[in-house]
Amino acid sequence: MTEATESSTSGTANKGTLPTDPLWPRAAGLLKQASMADSDSKWDAAILGIPAHLTSISATNAHTTPAAIREALLRYSTWSWEHRLDLGALSIGDFGDIADPDSQAGEERTASAVAQLRQQAGLLIGLGGDNSVTYAMAMGALGDDLAKGGLITFDAHHDLRDGVSNGSPVRRLIEAGLDPKRIVQIGIADYSNSPEYAMRALELGITVIPRSELRHRNAQEVMRQALGIAGSAGGPIHVDIDVDVCDRSVVPACPAAAPGGISADELRQFAYLAGCSPQVKSIDITEIDASADATDGRTIRLAALLILETLAGRF
């Protein structure tokens, strides 16, 4: 694992293009460089980059994304008007990126790092990388509580494919011991999954809240249901935010996003509500290829806002 560089967290490359105002603190300043070697340090939240991309079904440069999300935090402040909340007082450790996360050894390093950080931080936020990172991150975050843990995914896809790829993390977690009856999948899209894998989800007892259902239900109601199911055994919950759950016009950097997904505002609401639950111990943000983003950086900027919304919910 490598430590985050100074330019990743402070955005030195962009300092010449952004105004400096001592009364306008930038959200990037929330992230403080941290080291896994300092196992006695305590943090409100921990950030860990997991730049996996090699097993992706769709070709992707998702390994470029963690650094891009960190840099996008320069575009935002620490103040939420809606919640009358300043995140500036939080202690957030940035623990850099996992080296070679696609290999079996890399997955083991990821799970080990996440397990350690769970003891040091109130909330863990993993920056993918493709969706394969959900397996290793959830294994580390749920740990010995896997059998009574829960999983909530925001995703257009079931991720129940055979093999090892960004399409298989949910199946792999079930095979490792996660009870599928405590898995809730929100935003599953039409024409984005095969009938075989859809039937697999039904047969396993996974709760599916499809995109169509979200058109007449509010986010608070949906999250109450999801948290109640995922947390029914009293264990920790991992939340996977696969950003391709959004409409393709909103997230052009998500290779598998389709027209008709949820809005950026909806996903921000869900991130905030996930952060509000004390049972949610870890969240990952995945499936963004920073190199394929629109020139205005809309996908990466949304990912940065998801971090801030989650933090606002928790603290």
Protein backbone atom coordinates (compact mmCIF):
# COMPACT_ATOMS: atom_id res chain seq x y z
CA MET A 1 0.00 0.00 0.00
CA THR A 2 1.28 3.46 -0.84
CA GLU A 3 0.64 6.63 1.09
CA ALA A 4 -1.45 9.32 -0.56
CA THR A 5 0.76 11.96 -2.15
CA GLU A 6 0.60 15.58 -1.12
CA SER A 7 -0.83 16.54 -4.49
CA SER A 8 -3.62 13.99 -4.07
CA THR A 9 -4.92 15.54 -0.87
CA SER A 10 -4.01 19.19 -1.24
CA GLY A 11 -4.38 19.59 -4.99
CA THR A 12 -1.13 21.45 -5.56
CA ALA A 13 -1.50 20.98 -9.29
CA ASN A 14 -4.67 23.09 -9.26
CA LYS A 15 -3.71 25.77 -6.76
CA GLY A 16 -2.97 28.21 -9.53
CA THR A 17 -6.49 27.90 -11.00
CA LEU A 18 -8.55 28.09 -7.81
CA PRO A 19 -8.94 31.24 -5.70
CA THR A 20 -7.53 31.38 -2.20
CA ASP A 21 -9.82 32.65 0.54
CA PRO A 22 -9.03 32.02 4.22
CA LEU A 23 -12.76 32.24 4.95
CA TRP A 24 -13.60 29.52 2.38
CA PRO A 25 -11.94 26.29 3.56
CA ARG A 26 -11.86 23.57 0.92
CA ALA A 27 -13.11 20.06 1.64
CA ALA A 28 -9.81 18.60 0.41
CA GLY A 29 -8.27 20.02 3.57
CA LEU A 30 -10.31 17.58 5.62
CA LEU A 31 -8.06 14.71 4.50
CA LYS A 32 -4.92 14.29 6.57
CA GLN A 33 -2.15 11.98 5.43
CA ALA A 34 -2.05 8.93 7.64
CA SER A 35 -0.11 5.70 7.89
CA MET A 36 -1.16 2.16 8.65
CA ALA A 37 1.98 1.92 10.76
CA ASP A 38 0.40 4.29 13.29
CA SER A 39 -2.08 1.75 14.61
CA ASP A 40 -2.78 3.77 17.77
CA SER A 41 -4.23 6.77 15.92
CA LYS A 42 -7.98 7.39 16.11
CA TRP A 43 -10.05 9.07 13.41
CA ASP A 44 -13.64 10.09 12.89
CA ALA A 45 -13.37 8.58 9.41
CA ALA A 46 -10.75 6.91 7.24
CA ILE A 47 -10.28 7.10 3.47
CA LEU A 48 -8.65 4.24 1.58
CA GLY A 49 -8.02 4.08 -2.17
CA ILE A 50 -8.58 0.67 -3.79
CA PRO A 51 -7.67 1.20 -7.47
CA ALA A 52 -8.76 -2.17 -8.87
CA HIS A 53 -9.48 -2.39 -12.60
CA LEU A 54 -7.89 -5.46 -14.18
CA THR A 55 -10.82 -7.90 -13.78
CA SER A 56 -13.45 -5.47 -15.02
CA ILE A 57 -15.92 -6.84 -17.58
CA SER A 58 -15.84 -3.48 -19.38
CA ALA A 59 -12.43 -2.01 -20.13
CA THR A 60 -11.75 0.71 -17.58
CA ASN A 61 -9.07 2.99 -16.16
CA ALA A 62 -10.79 2.97 -12.78
CA HIS A 63 -7.38 2.81 -11.13
CA THR A 64 -7.07 6.55 -11.90
CA THR A 65 -10.17 7.39 -9.90
CA PRO A 66 -9.14 7.54 -6.20
CA ALA A 67 -6.65 10.34 -6.86
CA ALA A 68 -9.18 12.18 -9.02
CA ILE A 69 -11.84 12.05 -6.29
CA ARG A 70 -9.41 13.42 -3.73
CA GLU A 71 -8.58 16.28 -6.08
CA ALA A 72 -12.26 16.99 -6.76
CA LEU A 73 -12.75 17.72 -3.07
CA LEU A 74 -10.94 20.99 -3.81
CA ARG A 75 -14.11 22.15 -5.54
CA TYR A 76 -16.24 21.99 -2.39
CA SER A 77 -16.38 23.60 1.03
CA THR A 78 -16.98 21.94 4.40
CA TRP A 79 -20.36 23.60 5.02
CA SER A 80 -23.80 22.06 4.55
CA TRP A 81 -26.58 24.63 4.53
CA GLU A 82 -29.31 21.97 4.64
CA HIS A 83 -27.95 20.42 7.82
CA ARG A 84 -26.37 23.60 9.28
CA LEU A 85 -23.20 21.58 9.62
CA ASP A 86 -19.51 22.32 9.24
CA LEU A 87 -17.41 19.22 8.60
CA GLY A 88 -14.24 21.18 9.31
CA ALA A 89 -13.83 19.85 12.84
CA LEU A 90 -13.66 16.20 11.74
CA SER A 91 -10.46 14.18 11.83
CA ILE A 92 -10.24 12.21 8.59
CA GLY A 93 -7.21 10.08 7.85
CA ASP A 94 -6.23 9.42 4.25
CA PHE A 95 -4.40 6.11 4.22
CA GLY A 96 -3.34 6.21 0.59
CA ASP A 97 -3.95 3.45 -1.96
CA ILE A 98 -3.69 -0.32 -1.79
CA ALA A 99 -0.94 -1.58 -4.11
CA ASP A 100 -1.95 -4.14 -6.77
CA PRO A 101 -5.50 -4.59 -5.40
CA ASP A 102 -6.61 -6.87 -8.26
CA SER A 103 -4.51 -9.85 -7.20
CA GLN A 104 -5.49 -12.34 -4.51
CA ALA A 105 -2.70 -10.94 -2.35
CA GLY A 106 -4.03 -7.45 -3.04
CA GLU A 107 -7.50 -8.43 -1.91
CA GLU A 108 -6.01 -9.87 1.25
CA ARG A 109 -4.08 -6.62 1.85
CA THR A 110 -7.29 -4.66 1.32
CA ALA A 111 -9.28 -6.78 3.76
CA SER A 112 -6.48 -6.61 6.33
CA ALA A 113 -6.14 -2.82 6.03
CA VAL A 114 -9.90 -2.34 6.32
CA ALA A 115 -10.08 -4.62 9.37
CA GLN A 116 -7.36 -2.55 11.07
CA LEU A 117 -8.98 0.75 10.15
CA ARG A 118 -12.31 -0.42 11.52
CA GLN A 119 -10.64 -0.34 14.94
CA GLN A 120 -9.25 3.14 14.35
CA ALA A 121 -12.09 5.01 12.65
CA GLY A 122 -15.80 5.46 13.14
CA LEU A 123 -16.49 5.19 9.42
CA LEU A 124 -14.49 3.73 6.53
CA ILE A 125 -14.82 5.06 2.99
CA GLY A 126 -13.20 3.09 0.17
CA LEU A 127 -12.52 4.78 -3.14
CA GLY A 128 -12.59 2.39 -6.10
CA GLY A 129 -11.65 1.16 -8.49
CA ASP A 130 -14.20 -1.06 -10.09
CA ASN A 131 -16.90 -2.93 -8.20
CA SER A 132 -14.65 -5.91 -7.48
CA VAL A 133 -13.33 -3.95 -4.46
CA THR A 134 -16.64 -4.48 -2.65
CA TYR A 135 -15.69 -8.08 -1.88
CA ALA A 136 -12.40 -7.35 -0.12
CA MET A 137 -13.67 -4.22 1.60
CA ALA A 138 -16.79 -5.90 2.98
CA MET A 139 -14.76 -8.92 4.10
CA GLY A 140 -12.46 -6.64 6.07
CA ALA A 141 -15.21 -4.41 7.45
CA LEU A 142 -17.63 -7.16 8.46
CA GLY A 143 -14.84 -9.50 9.57
CA ASP A 144 -15.84 -11.94 12.29
CA ASP A 145 -19.36 -10.47 12.11
CA LEU A 146 -19.86 -11.56 8.49
CA ALA A 147 -22.46 -14.19 9.41
CA LYS A 148 -24.69 -11.56 11.07
CA GLY A 149 -23.64 -8.64 8.88
CA GLY A 150 -25.58 -6.98 6.10
CA LEU A 151 -25.01 -5.47 2.68
CA ILE A 152 -26.81 -2.66 0.86
CA THR A 153 -25.91 -1.99 -2.76
CA PHE A 154 -26.86 0.96 -4.94
CA ASP A 155 -26.33 -0.57 -8.34
CA ALA A 156 -27.95 -1.17 -11.69
CA HIS A 157 -26.61 -4.76 -11.56
CA HIS A 158 -26.91 -7.77 -9.25
CA ASP A 159 -23.16 -8.58 -9.28
CA LEU A 160 -23.90 -12.28 -8.90
CA ARG A 161 -21.86 -13.44 -11.90
CA ASP A 162 -19.69 -16.52 -11.79
CA GLY A 163 -15.92 -16.11 -11.65
CA VAL A 164 -13.93 -13.21 -10.21
CA SER A 165 -14.66 -9.80 -11.69
CA ASN A 166 -16.39 -6.52 -10.97
CA GLY A 167 -19.60 -8.44 -11.67
CA SER A 168 -19.15 -11.05 -8.93
CA PRO A 169 -18.58 -9.43 -5.49
CA VAL A 170 -22.05 -10.10 -4.12
CA ARG A 171 -21.92 -13.79 -5.08
CA ARG A 172 -18.46 -14.12 -3.55
CA LEU A 173 -19.61 -12.53 -0.27
CA ILE A 174 -22.52 -14.96 -0.07
CA GLU A 175 -20.18 -17.87 -0.67
CA ALA A 176 -17.93 -16.51 2.11
CA GLY A 177 -20.83 -16.63 4.59
CA LEU A 178 -22.93 -13.47 4.17
CA ASP A 179 -26.64 -14.29 4.49
CA PRO A 180 -28.33 -13.25 1.21
CA LYS A 181 -31.53 -12.52 3.14
CA ARG A 182 -29.66 -9.56 4.65
CA ILE A 183 -28.69 -8.16 1.25
CA VAL A 184 -30.69 -5.30 -0.25
CA GLN A 185 -30.08 -4.12 -3.82
CA ILE A 186 -31.42 -0.66 -4.66
CA GLY A 187 -31.72 0.73 -8.18
CA ILE A 188 -31.51 -2.51 -10.18
CA ALA A 189 -32.16 -1.52 -13.79
CA ASP A 190 -34.22 -3.12 -16.55
CA TYR A 191 -32.26 -4.68 -19.42
CA SER A 192 -29.03 -4.54 -17.40
CA ASN A 193 -29.06 -8.10 -16.00
CA SER A 194 -29.56 -11.54 -17.48
CA PRO A 195 -32.66 -13.59 -16.55
CA GLU A 196 -30.36 -16.24 -15.07
CA TYR A 197 -28.74 -13.85 -12.59
CA ALA A 198 -32.09 -12.20 -11.82
CA MET A 199 -33.50 -15.62 -10.93
CA ARG A 200 -30.40 -16.27 -8.83
CA ALA A 201 -31.16 -13.13 -6.80
CA LEU A 202 -34.76 -14.23 -6.28
CA GLU A 203 -33.82 -17.78 -5.32
CA LEU A 204 -31.23 -16.55 -2.83
CA GLY A 205 -33.78 -14.32 -1.11
CA ILE A 206 -32.05 -11.02 -1.87
CA THR A 207 -34.35 -8.01 -1.47
CA VAL A 208 -34.44 -6.12 -4.77
CA ILE A 209 -35.79 -2.55 -4.92
CA PRO A 210 -35.65 -1.82 -8.66
CA ARG A 211 -35.30 1.54 -10.32
CA SER A 212 -38.99 1.51 -11.24
CA GLU A 213 -40.02 1.28 -7.58
CA LEU A 214 -37.94 4.34 -6.69
CA ARG A 215 -40.17 6.48 -8.90
CA HIS A 216 -42.96 6.42 -6.30
CA ARG A 217 -41.05 5.99 -3.03
CA ASN A 218 -38.95 8.55 -1.20
CA ALA A 219 -35.37 7.93 -0.14
CA GLN A 220 -36.13 7.94 3.59
CA GLU A 221 -38.72 5.19 3.25
CA VAL A 222 -36.46 3.07 1.06
CA MET A 223 -33.52 3.39 3.43
CA ARG A 224 -35.63 2.50 6.47
CA GLN A 225 -36.58 -0.73 4.74
CA ALA A 226 -33.04 -1.47 3.55
CA LEU A 227 -31.41 -0.78 6.91
CA GLY A 228 -34.06 -2.83 8.71
CA ILE A 229 -33.36 -5.85 6.51
CA ALA A 230 -29.56 -5.57 6.29
CA GLY A 231 -29.24 -4.86 10.00
CA SER A 232 -31.85 -7.34 11.23
CA ALA A 233 -29.29 -9.56 12.98
CA GLY A 234 -27.72 -6.61 14.79
CA GLY A 235 -24.44 -6.83 12.90
CA PRO A 236 -22.51 -4.21 10.94
CA ILE A 237 -23.61 -3.12 7.46
CA HIS A 238 -21.43 -2.43 4.43
CA VAL A 239 -22.82 -0.11 1.74
CA ASP A 240 -21.68 -0.40 -1.86
CA ILE A 241 -22.33 2.71 -3.96
CA ASP A 242 -21.84 1.67 -7.56
CA VAL A 243 -22.24 5.04 -9.25
CA ASP A 244 -23.55 3.46 -12.46
CA VAL A 245 -26.90 3.30 -10.66
CA CYS A 246 -27.28 6.89 -11.90
CA ASP A 247 -28.57 8.08 -15.25
CA ARG A 248 -25.86 7.94 -17.88
CA SER A 249 -26.14 11.68 -18.58
CA VAL A 250 -25.17 12.31 -14.96
CA VAL A 251 -22.26 9.84 -14.84
CA PRO A 252 -20.56 9.59 -18.25
CA ALA A 253 -17.47 8.12 -16.56
CA CYS A 254 -19.38 4.97 -15.53
CA PRO A 255 -18.96 2.45 -18.38
CA ALA A 256 -22.12 0.45 -17.59
CA ALA A 257 -24.50 3.29 -16.70
CA ALA A 258 -27.71 3.35 -18.75
CA PRO A 259 -30.20 6.08 -19.60
CA GLY A 260 -32.98 6.22 -17.02
CA GLY A 261 -30.98 5.62 -13.84
CA ILE A 262 -31.47 7.65 -10.67
CA SER A 263 -30.47 11.29 -10.39
CA ALA A 264 -27.35 12.68 -8.74
CA ASP A 265 -29.56 14.27 -6.09
CA GLU A 266 -31.21 10.94 -5.27
CA LEU A 267 -27.86 9.24 -4.84
CA ARG A 268 -26.63 12.08 -2.62
CA GLN A 269 -29.72 11.63 -0.41
CA PHE A 270 -29.06 7.90 -0.13
CA ALA A 271 -25.41 8.52 0.79
CA TYR A 272 -26.46 10.92 3.55
CA LEU A 273 -29.04 8.47 4.92
CA ALA A 274 -26.51 5.63 4.86
CA GLY A 275 -24.14 7.76 6.90
CA CYS A 276 -26.89 8.43 9.45
CA SER A 277 -27.08 4.77 10.47
CA PRO A 278 -24.64 3.75 13.23
CA GLN A 279 -24.80 0.18 11.91
CA VAL A 280 -23.19 1.28 8.65
CA LYS A 281 -19.49 0.88 9.33
CA SER A 282 -18.11 1.10 5.79
CA ILE A 283 -18.98 2.44 2.36
CA ASP A 284 -17.33 2.03 -1.02
CA ILE A 285 -17.70 4.27 -4.08
CA THR A 286 -17.03 2.34 -7.29
CA GLU A 287 -17.29 1.90 -11.06
CA ILE A 288 -16.00 5.31 -12.14
CA ASP A 289 -13.35 5.62 -14.85
CA ALA A 290 -11.91 9.08 -14.23
CA SER A 291 -10.19 9.07 -17.62
CA ALA A 292 -13.58 8.83 -19.37
CA ASP A 293 -15.32 11.66 -17.54
CA ALA A 294 -16.92 14.66 -19.22
CA THR A 295 -14.77 17.76 -19.48
CA ASP A 296 -16.69 19.31 -16.59
CA GLY A 297 -15.74 16.36 -14.34
CA ARG A 298 -19.36 15.73 -13.35
CA THR A 299 -18.93 12.08 -12.37
CA ILE A 300 -15.85 12.62 -10.23
CA ARG A 301 -17.41 15.68 -8.62
CA LEU A 302 -20.47 13.61 -7.72
CA ALA A 303 -18.21 11.01 -6.10
CA ALA A 304 -16.57 13.72 -3.99
CA LEU A 305 -19.99 14.93 -2.89
CA LEU A 306 -20.95 11.39 -1.89
CA ILE A 307 -18.06 11.44 0.58
CA LEU A 308 -19.26 14.72 2.05
CA GLU A 309 -22.89 13.61 2.23
CA THR A 310 -21.90 10.40 4.03
CA LEU A 311 -19.79 12.34 6.52
CA ALA A 312 -22.63 14.81 7.10
CA GLY A 313 -24.98 11.94 7.86
CA ARG A 314 -22.63 10.36 10.36
CA PHE A 315 -21.30 13.42 12.17
